[in-house]
């Protein structure tokens, strides 16, 4: 479970530990990871608020990043006239480190 961390909930203690190098090197218990495909839920949530963009035309540069995975689905049903550029994520996005 994640909780927000601020100065009233321990951020100052965390800053002191980082500065002193006293943070534990390993988590006390191993975590786990699982893959979750959020795409259908994300698209369904966006489509719950229909938009009529039929009066607009747009060129959308996805910058070879994550936007290309979702934008066509998210914009479906909006009637936006669009042209997509650099839609396939390939690790060369200029905003990626």
Foldseek 3Di string as FASTA:
>chain_A
DDDDDDPVRQPVVVVVCVVVVNDDPDDPDDDDDDDDDCQVVVLVVLPVDAAAPLVAEEEAEPQLDDCLVRVVSNCPRNNHHYHYHNSHNDPRRPVDD
